[in-house]
Protein backbone atom coordinates (compact mmCIF):
# COMPACT_ATOMS: atom_id res chain seq x y z
CA MET A 1 0.00 0.00 0.00
CA LEU A 2 1.72 3.14 -1.24
CA PRO A 3 0.54 6.59 -0.03
CA VAL A 4 -0.19 7.80 -3.58
CA PRO A 5 -3.24 8.31 -5.82
CA TYR A 6 -4.43 5.31 -7.82
CA PHE A 7 -6.11 4.70 -11.16
CA HIS A 8 -8.52 1.96 -12.20
CA ILE A 9 -7.99 0.52 -15.70
CA THR A 10 -10.30 -1.96 -17.44
CA VAL A 11 -9.51 -3.75 -20.72
CA THR A 12 -12.15 -5.84 -22.53
CA VAL A 13 -11.54 -8.18 -25.49
CA PRO A 14 -13.71 -8.14 -28.65
CA ALA A 15 -16.65 -10.53 -28.87
CA GLU A 16 -14.93 -12.52 -31.65
CA LEU A 17 -12.17 -13.52 -29.24
CA ARG A 18 -14.36 -14.87 -26.45
CA ALA A 19 -14.79 -18.37 -27.88
CA VAL A 20 -11.02 -18.68 -28.40
CA LEU A 21 -10.33 -17.72 -24.79
CA ARG A 22 -13.03 -20.09 -23.54
CA ALA A 23 -11.41 -22.99 -25.39
CA HIS A 24 -7.87 -22.08 -24.23
CA GLN A 25 -8.45 -20.62 -20.78
CA HIS A 26 -5.11 -21.33 -19.14
CA ASP A 27 -3.00 -19.78 -21.89
CA GLY A 28 -5.48 -17.22 -23.19
CA TYR A 29 -6.39 -15.64 -19.87
CA ALA A 30 -2.77 -15.58 -18.71
CA VAL A 31 -1.71 -13.84 -21.93
CA LEU A 32 -4.53 -11.30 -21.56
CA MET A 33 -3.41 -10.34 -18.05
CA GLN A 34 0.26 -10.23 -19.03
CA ALA A 35 -0.41 -8.13 -22.14
CA THR A 36 -2.58 -5.65 -20.24
CA ALA A 37 -0.06 -5.13 -17.45
CA GLY A 38 2.85 -4.98 -19.90
CA ALA A 39 1.15 -2.30 -21.97
CA ILE A 40 0.38 -0.21 -18.87
CA ILE A 41 3.96 -0.45 -17.60
CA GLU A 42 5.47 0.37 -21.01
CA LEU A 43 3.28 3.42 -21.59
CA ALA A 44 3.77 4.65 -18.04
CA SER A 45 7.55 4.57 -18.45
CA ASP A 46 7.23 7.19 -21.20
CA PRO A 47 8.28 10.62 -19.81
CA ARG A 48 5.27 12.19 -21.54
CA PHE A 49 2.93 10.36 -19.16
CA VAL A 50 4.58 9.15 -15.91
CA GLY A 51 8.25 8.53 -16.63
CA GLY A 52 8.74 5.69 -14.15
CA ALA A 53 7.92 2.10 -13.20
CA VAL A 54 4.36 1.89 -11.83
CA ALA A 55 2.75 -0.76 -9.63
CA VAL A 56 0.00 -2.88 -11.21
CA LEU A 57 -2.46 -5.25 -9.52
CA ALA A 58 -4.46 -7.17 -12.16
CA VAL A 59 -7.68 -9.16 -11.58
CA LEU A 60 -9.38 -11.33 -14.22
CA HIS A 61 -13.17 -11.35 -14.58
CA THR A 62 -14.97 -13.41 -17.21
CA TRP A 63 -18.66 -12.53 -16.80
CA ASP A 64 -21.22 -9.83 -17.33
CA GLN A 65 -24.38 -9.10 -15.32
CA GLN A 66 -26.32 -11.90 -17.08
CA LEU A 67 -23.51 -14.47 -16.62
CA ASN A 68 -22.56 -14.41 -20.29
CA LEU A 69 -18.89 -14.92 -21.19
CA HIS A 70 -17.28 -11.48 -21.11
CA PRO A 71 -13.52 -11.69 -20.39
CA HIS A 72 -11.94 -8.48 -19.12
CA VAL A 73 -9.13 -7.41 -16.80
CA HIS A 74 -9.35 -4.90 -13.94
CA CYS A 75 -6.11 -3.20 -12.94
CA LEU A 76 -5.25 -1.00 -9.99
CA VAL A 77 -2.29 1.20 -11.00
CA SER A 78 -0.25 3.54 -8.83
CA GLY A 79 -0.52 7.20 -9.77
CA GLY A 80 3.20 7.57 -10.25
CA GLY A 81 6.36 5.55 -10.79
CA ILE A 82 9.93 5.22 -9.65
CA SER A 83 12.78 6.30 -11.93
CA GLU A 84 15.03 3.73 -13.56
CA ASP A 85 17.85 4.41 -11.10
CA GLY A 86 15.45 4.08 -8.16
CA THR A 87 16.12 7.51 -6.68
CA THR A 88 13.21 9.68 -7.84
CA TRP A 89 9.44 9.28 -7.60
CA HIS A 90 7.54 10.70 -10.59
CA PRO A 91 3.90 11.46 -9.66
CA ALA A 92 1.19 11.19 -12.29
CA ARG A 93 -1.17 14.01 -13.10
CA ARG A 94 -4.26 14.26 -10.93
CA THR A 95 -6.82 13.04 -13.49
CA PHE A 96 -4.65 11.60 -16.27
CA LEU A 97 -2.45 8.52 -16.33
CA LEU A 98 -2.32 7.08 -19.86
CA PRO A 99 -3.94 7.72 -23.27
CA ILE A 100 -6.82 5.27 -23.65
CA LYS A 101 -6.60 4.59 -27.40
CA ALA A 102 -2.84 4.05 -27.30
CA LEU A 103 -3.30 1.65 -24.37
CA ALA A 104 -5.93 -0.40 -26.21
CA ARG A 105 -3.76 -0.70 -29.33
CA LYS A 106 -0.70 -1.69 -27.31
CA VAL A 107 -2.62 -4.35 -25.38
CA ARG A 108 -3.90 -5.79 -28.65
CA GLY A 109 -0.39 -5.92 -30.13
CA LYS A 110 1.18 -7.48 -27.04
CA PHE A 111 -1.65 -10.01 -26.76
CA ARG A 112 -1.15 -11.09 -30.37
CA ALA A 113 2.61 -11.52 -29.96
CA LEU A 114 2.37 -13.40 -26.65
CA LEU A 115 -0.43 -15.67 -27.86
CA GLN A 116 1.61 -16.53 -30.96
CA GLN A 117 4.50 -17.55 -28.72
CA ARG A 118 2.38 -19.72 -26.42
CA CYS A 119 0.01 -21.21 -29.00
CA PRO A 120 1.63 -20.94 -32.46
CA GLU A 121 -0.95 -23.25 -34.06
CA LEU A 122 -3.99 -21.45 -32.66
CA ILE A 123 -6.24 -19.86 -35.29
CA VAL A 124 -7.78 -16.52 -34.28
CA PRO A 125 -10.35 -14.64 -36.40
CA ASP A 126 -8.53 -11.94 -38.34
CA VAL A 127 -11.14 -9.34 -37.39
CA VAL A 128 -9.83 -9.44 -33.80
CA TRP A 129 -6.61 -7.70 -34.84
CA HIS A 130 -8.42 -4.95 -36.76
CA ARG A 131 -11.19 -4.14 -34.29
CA ASP A 132 -10.70 -1.58 -31.52
CA TRP A 133 -10.38 -3.10 -28.08
CA ILE A 134 -12.19 -1.38 -25.23
CA ALA A 135 -10.23 0.29 -22.42
CA HIS A 136 -11.24 2.63 -19.62
CA VAL A 137 -9.03 4.66 -17.27
CA THR A 138 -10.48 6.44 -14.23
CA ALA A 139 -9.04 8.02 -11.11
CA TRP A 140 -9.73 5.68 -8.19
CA GLY A 141 -8.63 7.24 -4.91
CA ARG A 142 -5.63 7.78 -2.70
CA GLY A 143 -3.70 5.80 -0.11
CA GLU A 144 -4.49 2.63 1.76
CA GLN A 145 -8.26 3.05 1.63
CA ALA A 146 -8.20 3.12 -2.17
CA VAL A 147 -6.35 -0.20 -2.22
CA LEU A 148 -8.73 -1.78 0.28
CA ASP A 149 -11.79 -0.58 -1.65
CA TYR A 150 -10.37 -2.10 -4.83
CA LEU A 151 -9.55 -5.40 -3.15
CA ALA A 152 -13.01 -5.65 -1.61
CA ARG A 153 -14.80 -4.78 -4.83
CA TYR A 154 -12.91 -6.83 -7.42
CA VAL A 155 -10.52 -9.44 -6.01
CA PHE A 156 -13.02 -11.74 -4.28
CA ARG A 157 -16.04 -11.15 -6.50
CA ILE A 158 -17.65 -14.14 -8.23
CA ALA A 159 -20.02 -14.34 -11.20
CA ILE A 160 -23.19 -14.03 -9.09
CA THR A 161 -24.02 -13.70 -5.41
CA ASN A 162 -26.96 -15.09 -3.47
CA ALA A 163 -28.33 -11.58 -3.01
CA ARG A 164 -29.06 -11.32 -6.75
CA ILE A 165 -31.06 -14.59 -6.88
CA VAL A 166 -34.68 -13.57 -6.38
CA GLY A 167 -36.41 -16.84 -7.28
CA LEU A 168 -35.64 -20.56 -7.41
CA ASP A 169 -37.95 -23.47 -8.23
CA ASP A 170 -37.99 -26.77 -10.11
CA ALA A 171 -38.31 -24.98 -13.46
CA GLY A 172 -35.46 -22.51 -13.25
CA VAL A 173 -33.66 -19.63 -11.60
CA THR A 174 -34.62 -15.94 -11.53
CA PHE A 175 -32.02 -13.29 -10.75
CA SER A 176 -31.64 -9.54 -11.04
CA TYR A 177 -29.07 -7.68 -13.13
CA ARG A 178 -28.22 -4.11 -14.00
CA ASP A 179 -28.82 -2.93 -17.56
CA ARG A 180 -25.58 -1.29 -18.73
CA LYS A 181 -27.41 1.02 -21.15
CA ASN A 182 -29.59 2.81 -18.62
CA GLY A 183 -28.38 1.50 -15.25
CA ARG A 184 -31.80 0.10 -14.31
CA ARG A 185 -32.39 -3.15 -12.47
CA ARG A 186 -33.98 -5.90 -14.54
CA ILE A 187 -34.99 -9.52 -14.05
CA CYS A 188 -33.64 -12.52 -15.97
CA ARG A 189 -35.11 -16.03 -15.75
CA LEU A 190 -33.20 -19.08 -17.00
CA SER A 191 -33.78 -22.80 -16.94
CA GLY A 192 -31.74 -24.75 -14.44
CA GLU A 193 -29.54 -26.22 -17.18
CA GLU A 194 -28.85 -22.85 -18.80
CA PHE A 195 -28.13 -21.22 -15.46
CA MET A 196 -25.57 -23.90 -14.60
CA ARG A 197 -24.02 -23.68 -18.08
CA ARG A 198 -23.53 -19.94 -17.78
CA PHE A 199 -22.22 -20.14 -14.23
CA LEU A 200 -19.77 -23.00 -14.79
CA GLN A 201 -18.07 -21.35 -17.75
CA HIS A 202 -16.61 -18.88 -15.25
CA VAL A 203 -14.93 -21.58 -13.14
CA LEU A 204 -11.24 -21.10 -13.92
CA PRO A 205 -8.79 -23.97 -14.50
CA ARG A 206 -7.29 -25.58 -11.42
CA GLY A 207 -4.26 -23.65 -10.19
CA PHE A 208 -4.93 -20.57 -12.31
CA HIS A 209 -4.11 -17.29 -10.53
CA LYS A 210 -6.78 -14.70 -11.30
CA VAL A 211 -4.94 -12.06 -9.21
CA ARG A 212 -1.44 -11.14 -10.37
CA TYR A 213 1.14 -8.46 -9.52
CA PHE A 214 3.31 -6.62 -12.01
CA GLY A 215 5.80 -3.78 -12.09
CA LEU A 216 6.66 -2.31 -8.73
CA TRP A 217 4.30 -4.77 -6.99
CA HIS A 218 5.92 -7.86 -8.55
CA PRO A 219 7.41 -10.13 -5.85
CA ALA A 220 10.87 -9.63 -7.39
CA HIS A 221 10.62 -5.89 -6.63
CA ARG A 222 9.53 -6.05 -2.99
CA GLN A 223 12.66 -4.26 -1.82
CA ASP A 224 12.12 -1.50 -4.37
CA ALA A 225 8.51 -1.08 -3.23
CA ALA A 226 9.61 -0.87 0.41
CA ARG A 227 12.19 1.79 -0.48
CA VAL A 228 9.59 3.77 -2.41
CA ARG A 229 7.20 3.59 0.54
CA GLN A 230 9.86 4.99 2.88
CA MET A 231 10.78 7.66 0.35
CA LEU A 232 7.16 8.84 0.04
CA GLN A 233 6.65 8.86 3.80
CA LEU A 234 9.73 11.04 4.26
CA GLN A 235 8.54 13.43 1.56
CA ALA A 236 5.04 13.74 3.03
CA PRO A 237 4.41 17.10 4.77
CA PRO A 238 3.98 16.92 8.55
CA PRO A 239 0.37 16.98 9.81
CA THR A 240 -0.96 20.42 10.63
CA GLY A 241 -3.76 21.54 12.88
CA PRO A 242 -4.55 22.04 16.57
CA LEU A 243 -3.25 19.64 19.16
CA PRO A 244 -5.69 16.99 20.40
CA GLU A 245 -7.70 17.96 23.47
CA THR A 246 -6.09 15.18 25.46
CA ALA A 247 -2.60 16.48 24.72
CA VAL A 248 -0.78 18.12 27.64
CA PRO A 249 1.16 21.31 26.71
CA PRO A 250 4.88 21.08 27.40
CA ASP A 251 6.26 22.56 30.57
CA PRO A 252 8.89 25.24 29.70
CA THR A 253 10.80 24.54 32.92
CA GLU A 254 11.15 20.85 32.10
CA ALA A 255 12.25 21.65 28.57
CA ALA A 256 15.06 23.82 29.90
CA VAL A 257 16.35 21.06 32.18
CA ALA A 258 16.04 18.18 29.72
CA PRO A 259 19.19 17.50 27.69
CA ALA A 260 19.11 18.21 23.97
CA ILE A 261 18.67 15.15 21.72
CA GLU A 262 20.80 15.18 18.59
CA PRO A 263 19.06 13.86 15.44
CA ARG A 264 20.42 10.58 14.17
CA ILE A 265 22.26 10.58 10.84
CA CYS A 266 20.75 8.48 8.06
CA PRO A 267 22.88 5.30 7.72
CA HIS A 268 22.16 5.12 4.00
CA CYS A 269 23.13 8.54 2.63
CA HIS A 270 25.12 9.76 5.70
CA GLN A 271 23.76 13.28 5.08
CA GLY A 272 20.11 13.47 6.08
CA SER A 273 18.87 13.16 9.64
């Protein structure tokens, strides 16, 4: 949890690619997450946007409100990145992180290259590489609470919860969903067989990790992330405002008697205190 602003990025594949991913879940979904995170990290390293290595937490979802197959990736991205030499933190702009169209094109290109490496014999409809992929980038929040809100909302979510099931009998299942066009709540009724078919297509292969870390949050960069966290805490301005009511004002006589405490020198740079 870094004390910085965060951005929420969503990337959705075209409809023509859904059947291919359904038939090759282990490789296809892994490539989708890797391509999305790789495109974010590469664009963020450009000095025109962030100019540093960002932290990316990616979560795979495969459903829509009616349980249809709808693969997409949610990413929580730090609003800033560390320089290549690891000494400078480059903050992102308040409401802008990356260009959306450039991100969608880069994800598509990286996905094509990675899928070709993993599955060279796989045949993908040619229209997939000429159609625009859908990407969204929005400011998410700041600090630890933004991370916790993201984790609670996306990491542990499943295709449907019990709260959305409004009816169940021998003939079928009735559940509510939100219409994406107008945001209204609607009702969908399916037979038992169709409900189970839709639900089970979102059960991922055994051992597949639907939550993955990239960039500054990758396990190989834990030390870098810890150094960045300390750097940001040192740069943060001290809290301002009145003292708490329970605080006792210092006694000037005691302060005069107490010996002065010299600040400790930083053992890393030997200059700061």
